[in-house]
Every structure is written in C-alpha cells, then in structure tokens.
C-alpha cells in the first residue's frame, strides 16, 4: 500500500494519506498568529480545506478531529466558527482539550482525519 505525503518538511508532513485515510498534522493559524480564537480557527480551517483537497477529499468525509485550545475560555468562540464550517450531518468524532501550545501566538490547533475515496 502506498503512502502519499503532502507538504513534506524536515520535521513533519502537513498531511499523510495511507490507504483510504488522510491524516493531517496539527494545524495552527500561520496566517493569523496572535489573532482572536475565531480568526485563528477560520485560518486553520481554510488550511485544512486545502490539505484535504490536495489529498483528494473534503470536510464531508471527516472521521475525527482533535482541537487544542490554549484557554478553554475560547471554546464558544472557536465552536461558532467550527459549527459554521463543519458539514451538517457529516460531523466527525471530536475531542477538544485545553493545552499549552508550542508558541504563545497560537491559541488554537486542530488536526483531522478524513476518508479518501
């Protein structure tokens, strides 16, 4: 079985497709560092849309999602953006936890897994 790596870097690939599943790396708001949780979430979800497209899939095929928040006080703000983005009737299994993130300018990190046809 082949493995397809997307946006390969020295440390990690931004997504990996193995079999019929795309696994993304944790995505942070590269286009909105230091912005609000809502703006960071929008930026991250746009990146995820791009990675999924490059893998040959989309958000209607999400299997699972993990969301890390630097402050659980941002939960409602992040969820407002997430709820507007996620495909109705195709919501993934999801976990959301508070965690110290690697860089203080990022307050949201999201990774997903999606089926690939």
N, C-alpha and C. Protein backbone atom coordinates (compact mmCIF):
# COMPACT_ATOMS: atom_id res chain seq x y z
N UNK A 1 0.84 -1.17 0.00
CA UNK A 1 0.00 0.00 0.00
C UNK A 1 0.89 1.24 0.00
N UNK A 2 0.55 2.22 -0.81
CA UNK A 2 1.37 3.41 -0.92
C UNK A 2 1.04 4.44 0.16
N UNK A 3 2.01 5.30 0.40
CA UNK A 3 1.84 6.42 1.32
C UNK A 3 2.11 7.69 0.54
N UNK A 4 1.17 8.63 0.60
CA UNK A 4 1.33 9.93 -0.06
C UNK A 4 1.54 10.97 1.03
N UNK A 5 2.63 11.73 0.91
CA UNK A 5 2.93 12.78 1.88
C UNK A 5 2.70 14.14 1.21
N UNK A 6 2.04 15.03 1.93
CA UNK A 6 1.67 16.34 1.39
C UNK A 6 2.39 17.43 2.19
N UNK A 7 2.98 18.37 1.46
CA UNK A 7 3.73 19.47 2.07
C UNK A 7 4.76 18.93 3.06
N UNK A 8 5.69 18.17 2.53
CA UNK A 8 6.71 17.50 3.32
C UNK A 8 7.75 18.51 3.82
N UNK A 9 8.05 18.45 5.09
CA UNK A 9 9.08 19.28 5.69
C UNK A 9 10.13 18.43 6.36
N UNK A 10 11.13 19.07 6.93
CA UNK A 10 12.19 18.35 7.63
C UNK A 10 11.67 17.62 8.85
N UNK A 11 10.72 18.23 9.56
CA UNK A 11 10.21 17.66 10.81
C UNK A 11 8.95 16.82 10.60
N UNK A 12 8.09 17.26 9.70
CA UNK A 12 6.81 16.55 9.51
C UNK A 12 6.20 16.92 8.17
N UNK A 13 5.25 16.10 7.76
CA UNK A 13 4.41 16.40 6.61
C UNK A 13 3.13 17.01 7.14
N UNK A 14 2.54 17.93 6.40
CA UNK A 14 1.30 18.56 6.85
C UNK A 14 0.11 17.62 6.73
N UNK A 15 0.22 16.63 5.84
CA UNK A 15 -0.81 15.59 5.75
C UNK A 15 -0.17 14.33 5.16
N UNK A 16 -0.74 13.20 5.52
CA UNK A 16 -0.29 11.91 5.01
C UNK A 16 -1.53 11.10 4.65
N UNK A 17 -1.51 10.52 3.45
CA UNK A 17 -2.59 9.65 3.02
C UNK A 17 -2.05 8.23 2.99
N UNK A 18 -2.72 7.35 3.71
CA UNK A 18 -2.37 5.93 3.74
C UNK A 18 -3.67 5.15 3.60
N UNK A 19 -3.71 4.28 2.62
CA UNK A 19 -4.97 3.57 2.37
C UNK A 19 -6.03 4.59 1.98
N UNK A 20 -7.16 4.52 2.64
CA UNK A 20 -8.26 5.43 2.34
C UNK A 20 -8.45 6.48 3.42
N UNK A 21 -7.37 6.85 4.11
CA UNK A 21 -7.48 7.84 5.18
C UNK A 21 -6.40 8.91 5.01
N UNK A 22 -6.82 10.17 5.18
CA UNK A 22 -5.90 11.31 5.22
C UNK A 22 -5.78 11.74 6.66
N UNK A 23 -4.55 11.85 7.13
CA UNK A 23 -4.24 12.31 8.48
C UNK A 23 -3.54 13.65 8.36
N UNK A 24 -4.07 14.70 8.97
CA UNK A 24 -3.35 15.97 8.94
C UNK A 24 -2.50 16.12 10.20
N UNK A 25 -1.45 16.90 10.07
CA UNK A 25 -0.70 17.32 11.24
C UNK A 25 -1.54 18.36 11.96
N UNK A 26 -1.21 18.65 13.20
CA UNK A 26 -1.89 19.72 13.90
C UNK A 26 -1.65 21.03 13.16
N UNK A 27 -2.72 21.73 12.84
CA UNK A 27 -2.62 22.98 12.08
C UNK A 27 -2.81 24.16 13.02
N UNK A 28 -1.95 25.15 12.87
CA UNK A 28 -2.08 26.41 13.60
C UNK A 28 -2.29 27.52 12.58
N UNK A 29 -2.67 28.68 13.05
CA UNK A 29 -3.05 29.80 12.19
C UNK A 29 -1.82 30.54 11.67
N UNK A 30 -1.14 29.96 10.70
CA UNK A 30 0.06 30.60 10.14
C UNK A 30 -0.27 31.97 9.56
N UNK A 31 -1.50 32.16 9.08
CA UNK A 31 -1.90 33.43 8.50
C UNK A 31 -2.50 34.40 9.50
N UNK A 32 -2.65 33.98 10.76
CA UNK A 32 -3.29 34.84 11.76
C UNK A 32 -2.68 34.67 13.15
N UNK A 33 -1.35 34.63 13.28
CA UNK A 33 -0.77 34.47 14.61
C UNK A 33 -1.14 35.66 15.49
N UNK A 34 -1.50 35.39 16.72
CA UNK A 34 -1.85 36.44 17.67
C UNK A 34 -3.25 36.99 17.51
N UNK A 35 -3.99 36.53 16.52
CA UNK A 35 -5.36 36.99 16.30
C UNK A 35 -6.31 36.31 17.28
N UNK A 36 -7.57 36.68 17.22
CA UNK A 36 -8.59 36.08 18.10
C UNK A 36 -8.72 34.59 17.81
N UNK A 37 -9.32 33.88 18.75
CA UNK A 37 -9.55 32.44 18.55
C UNK A 37 -10.42 32.21 17.32
N UNK A 38 -11.40 33.07 17.10
CA UNK A 38 -12.27 32.92 15.92
C UNK A 38 -11.46 33.08 14.63
N UNK A 39 -10.62 34.12 14.56
CA UNK A 39 -9.83 34.34 13.35
C UNK A 39 -8.79 33.24 13.16
N UNK A 40 -8.20 32.77 14.25
CA UNK A 40 -7.26 31.66 14.12
C UNK A 40 -7.98 30.41 13.62
N UNK A 41 -9.17 30.14 14.15
CA UNK A 41 -9.92 28.96 13.73
C UNK A 41 -10.27 29.05 12.25
N UNK A 42 -10.71 30.22 11.77
CA UNK A 42 -11.01 30.40 10.34
C UNK A 42 -9.78 30.12 9.49
N UNK A 43 -8.63 30.63 9.90
CA UNK A 43 -7.40 30.42 9.15
C UNK A 43 -7.02 28.93 9.12
N UNK A 44 -7.14 28.29 10.25
CA UNK A 44 -6.81 26.86 10.33
C UNK A 44 -7.74 26.03 9.46
N UNK A 45 -9.03 26.30 9.52
CA UNK A 45 -9.98 25.51 8.74
C UNK A 45 -9.79 25.72 7.25
N UNK A 46 -9.38 26.91 6.83
CA UNK A 46 -9.05 27.14 5.42
C UNK A 46 -7.84 26.30 5.02
N UNK A 47 -6.84 26.22 5.90
CA UNK A 47 -5.67 25.37 5.63
C UNK A 47 -6.08 23.90 5.54
N UNK A 48 -6.94 23.47 6.44
CA UNK A 48 -7.41 22.08 6.41
C UNK A 48 -8.17 21.81 5.12
N UNK A 49 -9.02 22.74 4.69
CA UNK A 49 -9.73 22.56 3.41
C UNK A 49 -8.73 22.34 2.28
N UNK A 50 -7.66 23.13 2.26
CA UNK A 50 -6.64 22.99 1.22
C UNK A 50 -5.91 21.65 1.28
N UNK A 51 -5.55 21.23 2.47
CA UNK A 51 -4.87 19.93 2.62
C UNK A 51 -5.77 18.78 2.20
N UNK A 52 -7.03 18.84 2.63
CA UNK A 52 -7.97 17.78 2.25
C UNK A 52 -8.16 17.73 0.74
N UNK A 53 -8.27 18.89 0.10
CA UNK A 53 -8.42 18.94 -1.36
C UNK A 53 -7.20 18.31 -2.03
N UNK A 54 -6.02 18.66 -1.54
CA UNK A 54 -4.80 18.11 -2.11
C UNK A 54 -4.73 16.59 -1.94
N UNK A 55 -5.37 16.09 -0.88
CA UNK A 55 -5.41 14.65 -0.62
C UNK A 55 -6.52 13.95 -1.39
N UNK A 56 -7.40 14.73 -2.03
CA UNK A 56 -8.49 14.14 -2.80
C UNK A 56 -9.74 13.89 -1.98
N UNK A 57 -9.95 14.69 -0.95
CA UNK A 57 -11.13 14.52 -0.10
C UNK A 57 -11.62 15.89 0.35
N UNK A 58 -12.57 15.92 1.26
CA UNK A 58 -13.08 17.20 1.76
C UNK A 58 -13.72 16.98 3.13
N UNK A 59 -14.22 18.09 3.70
CA UNK A 59 -14.75 18.05 5.07
C UNK A 59 -16.01 17.21 5.22
N UNK A 60 -16.67 16.85 4.13
CA UNK A 60 -17.85 15.97 4.24
C UNK A 60 -17.46 14.55 4.61
N UNK A 61 -16.16 14.26 4.52
CA UNK A 61 -15.68 12.90 4.79
C UNK A 61 -14.83 12.83 6.07
N UNK A 62 -14.98 13.83 6.94
CA UNK A 62 -14.22 13.81 8.20
C UNK A 62 -14.59 12.59 9.03
N UNK A 63 -13.59 11.98 9.63
CA UNK A 63 -13.77 10.85 10.53
C UNK A 63 -13.60 11.31 11.98
N UNK A 64 -12.52 12.05 12.23
CA UNK A 64 -12.28 12.52 13.59
C UNK A 64 -11.55 13.85 13.56
N UNK A 65 -11.65 14.56 14.68
CA UNK A 65 -10.96 15.84 14.84
C UNK A 65 -10.49 15.96 16.28
N UNK A 66 -9.33 16.56 16.45
CA UNK A 66 -8.83 16.90 17.77
C UNK A 66 -8.51 18.39 17.76
N UNK A 67 -9.02 19.09 18.76
CA UNK A 67 -8.81 20.53 18.87
C UNK A 67 -8.15 20.82 20.21
N UNK A 68 -7.08 21.60 20.16
CA UNK A 68 -6.40 22.04 21.36
C UNK A 68 -6.60 23.55 21.49
N UNK A 69 -7.00 23.99 22.66
CA UNK A 69 -7.16 25.41 22.95
C UNK A 69 -6.19 25.78 24.07
N UNK A 70 -5.49 26.89 23.91
CA UNK A 70 -4.60 27.36 24.98
C UNK A 70 -5.42 27.79 26.19
N UNK A 71 -6.66 28.19 25.96
CA UNK A 71 -7.54 28.63 27.04
C UNK A 71 -8.96 28.16 26.73
N UNK A 72 -9.51 27.32 27.58
CA UNK A 72 -10.85 26.79 27.35
C UNK A 72 -11.90 27.90 27.35
N UNK A 73 -11.52 29.11 27.80
CA UNK A 73 -12.41 30.25 27.70
C UNK A 73 -12.72 30.63 26.26
N UNK A 74 -11.92 30.13 25.30
CA UNK A 74 -12.15 30.39 23.88
C UNK A 74 -13.04 29.34 23.22
N UNK A 75 -13.57 28.41 24.02
CA UNK A 75 -14.35 27.28 23.49
C UNK A 75 -15.54 27.75 22.66
N UNK A 76 -16.35 28.66 23.17
CA UNK A 76 -17.56 29.11 22.45
C UNK A 76 -17.17 29.85 21.17
N UNK A 77 -16.14 30.69 21.24
CA UNK A 77 -15.70 31.45 20.07
C UNK A 77 -15.20 30.52 18.97
N UNK A 78 -14.39 29.53 19.33
CA UNK A 78 -13.91 28.56 18.36
C UNK A 78 -15.07 27.75 17.80
N UNK A 79 -15.99 27.31 18.68
CA UNK A 79 -17.12 26.50 18.23
C UNK A 79 -18.03 27.24 17.26
N UNK A 80 -18.19 28.54 17.41
CA UNK A 80 -19.03 29.30 16.49
C UNK A 80 -18.49 29.19 15.06
N UNK A 81 -17.18 29.26 14.92
CA UNK A 81 -16.55 29.13 13.60
C UNK A 81 -16.61 27.68 13.14
N UNK A 82 -16.28 26.76 14.01
CA UNK A 82 -16.33 25.33 13.67
C UNK A 82 -17.72 24.94 13.20
N UNK A 83 -18.75 25.33 13.95
CA UNK A 83 -20.12 24.94 13.62
C UNK A 83 -20.56 25.49 12.26
N UNK A 84 -20.08 26.67 11.89
CA UNK A 84 -20.42 27.24 10.59
C UNK A 84 -19.66 26.54 9.46
N UNK A 85 -18.52 25.93 9.77
CA UNK A 85 -17.68 25.28 8.76
C UNK A 85 -18.02 23.82 8.54
N UNK A 86 -18.26 23.09 9.61
CA UNK A 86 -18.42 21.64 9.51
C UNK A 86 -19.67 21.31 8.68
N UNK A 87 -19.61 20.21 7.95
CA UNK A 87 -20.70 19.81 7.07
C UNK A 87 -21.85 19.18 7.88
N UNK A 88 -23.04 19.79 7.86
CA UNK A 88 -24.18 19.25 8.63
C UNK A 88 -24.45 17.79 8.25
N UNK A 89 -24.65 16.97 9.25
CA UNK A 89 -24.90 15.55 9.03
C UNK A 89 -23.65 14.73 8.80
N UNK A 90 -22.50 15.39 8.70
CA UNK A 90 -21.23 14.70 8.46
C UNK A 90 -20.20 15.06 9.53
N UNK A 91 -20.67 15.36 10.73
CA UNK A 91 -19.76 15.77 11.78
C UNK A 91 -18.90 14.59 12.25
N UNK A 92 -17.62 14.85 12.52
CA UNK A 92 -16.71 13.78 12.94
C UNK A 92 -16.80 13.52 14.43
N UNK A 93 -16.21 12.41 14.86
CA UNK A 93 -15.92 12.25 16.27
C UNK A 93 -14.94 13.36 16.62
N UNK A 94 -15.07 13.95 17.81
CA UNK A 94 -14.22 15.11 18.11
C UNK A 94 -13.86 15.16 19.58
N UNK A 95 -12.64 15.60 19.85
CA UNK A 95 -12.20 15.90 21.20
C UNK A 95 -11.69 17.33 21.20
N UNK A 96 -11.91 18.03 22.29
CA UNK A 96 -11.39 19.39 22.44
C UNK A 96 -10.86 19.51 23.86
N UNK A 97 -9.59 19.88 23.97
CA UNK A 97 -8.95 19.96 25.27
C UNK A 97 -8.17 21.26 25.41
N UNK A 98 -7.95 21.67 26.65
CA UNK A 98 -7.08 22.81 26.93
C UNK A 98 -5.66 22.30 27.07
N UNK A 99 -4.73 22.99 26.41
CA UNK A 99 -3.34 22.56 26.45
C UNK A 99 -2.44 23.75 26.15
N UNK A 100 -1.29 23.77 26.76
CA UNK A 100 -0.30 24.79 26.42
C UNK A 100 0.23 24.43 25.03
N UNK A 101 0.16 25.39 24.11
CA UNK A 101 0.62 25.14 22.74
C UNK A 101 2.08 25.53 22.61
N UNK A 102 2.72 25.10 21.53
CA UNK A 102 4.17 25.26 21.36
C UNK A 102 4.62 26.72 21.30
N UNK A 103 3.78 27.60 20.72
CA UNK A 103 4.15 29.01 20.60
C UNK A 103 2.99 29.87 21.11
N UNK A 104 3.28 30.87 21.93
CA UNK A 104 2.21 31.64 22.57
C UNK A 104 1.31 32.43 21.63
N UNK A 105 1.76 32.73 20.41
CA UNK A 105 0.91 33.47 19.48
C UNK A 105 -0.20 32.61 18.88
N UNK A 106 -0.12 31.31 19.09
CA UNK A 106 -1.15 30.40 18.60
C UNK A 106 -1.99 29.93 19.78
N UNK A 107 -3.29 30.11 19.68
CA UNK A 107 -4.19 29.73 20.77
C UNK A 107 -5.12 28.58 20.40
N UNK A 108 -5.08 28.17 19.13
CA UNK A 108 -5.92 27.07 18.63
C UNK A 108 -5.05 26.18 17.75
N UNK A 109 -5.20 24.88 17.88
CA UNK A 109 -4.56 23.92 16.99
C UNK A 109 -5.58 22.83 16.69
N UNK A 110 -5.65 22.43 15.42
CA UNK A 110 -6.65 21.43 15.00
C UNK A 110 -5.98 20.42 14.08
N UNK A 111 -6.30 19.14 14.30
CA UNK A 111 -5.91 18.09 13.36
C UNK A 111 -7.13 17.25 13.06
N UNK A 112 -7.21 16.74 11.83
CA UNK A 112 -8.35 15.93 11.43
C UNK A 112 -7.87 14.68 10.70
N UNK A 113 -8.79 13.73 10.62
CA UNK A 113 -8.63 12.56 9.77
C UNK A 113 -9.87 12.51 8.90
N UNK A 114 -9.68 12.16 7.62
CA UNK A 114 -10.81 12.10 6.69
C UNK A 114 -10.66 10.91 5.76
N UNK A 115 -11.78 10.35 5.37
CA UNK A 115 -11.78 9.26 4.39
C UNK A 115 -11.43 9.83 3.02
N UNK A 116 -10.72 9.03 2.25
CA UNK A 116 -10.36 9.39 0.87
C UNK A 116 -10.95 8.32 -0.03
N UNK A 117 -11.68 8.75 -1.04
CA UNK A 117 -12.29 7.77 -1.98
C UNK A 117 -11.27 7.20 -2.93
